[in-house]
Amino acid sequence: MGTDLHELLRSLRVWDPAVTELPDFDPATAPADPLALFAAWFAQAVAAGQVEPHTMSLATADEEGLPDVRTVMLHGADASGWSFATHVGSRKGRQLAARPYAALGFYWAVQGRQVRVRGPVTSAPSAESQADLHARSTGALAAALTGRQSEVLSSVEEMRRESQAAWDRAQREPDAPVPSWTLYRLRPDEVEFFQGDAARRHVRLVYRRTEAGWAKELLWP
């Protein structure tokens, strides 16, 4: 018999104490800038053993305003914004060209924490995008050289053939350029921090950018 999805869902727990420890979070102690709090929470997630804490959901919208989402990797976060990369001709690249605004979502289950970021997106200069690519692994360069992201694939064999050729080139030419590879930066208008609580008294602290700097306020969970 097949899996009973509803029964399976009802059997699952959220924040099982065996694998999750919910830390206290006093929003009154939060720094004035959300980047400082993000860096602290990220480091704490790593120390707590969160698997792949640098992965995040990236939400965009197409020309018609229809939403899209996928999981990507955070490449950095600093005063200029939260950064990620992709081919300019990929689905997300085309959507960002049409509507240069996006949202990011981080979920660190080991501590019951979420961080949500949204704001306008800009692309970095080509030289910076290439430097980002060449600072990564041979496999990342091979994948970028393969290109054709989001295009229709005729067969798995075609992918294997093209990928092997890209791997061979990446190993021969570790600085091989990939003009379509683009580093994007999201400059946040809003950053929300969510700390889960076992009694469901979750803490939600949101930072909103204003002309005078960052304003902070609490939200009901």
Foldseek 3Di string as FASTA:
>chain_A
DDDPVVVVVVPDDAQDVVQADADDDDCVPDDQDVVVVVVVVLVVLVVSPFPQQQKKKKWFAALVRHIDIDIFGFLDADQQATKGKDFCPAPVNNRCVNPQKIKIWTARRNHRKIKIFIAGKDWDDQVVLLVSQLVDDLLSQLVLQLDPHNPDDPDVVVVVVSSVVSSVVCVVCSSDGRSRMIMMGGNGQKMWMWGADPVRQIWIKMWGQDPVGTDIDTDGD
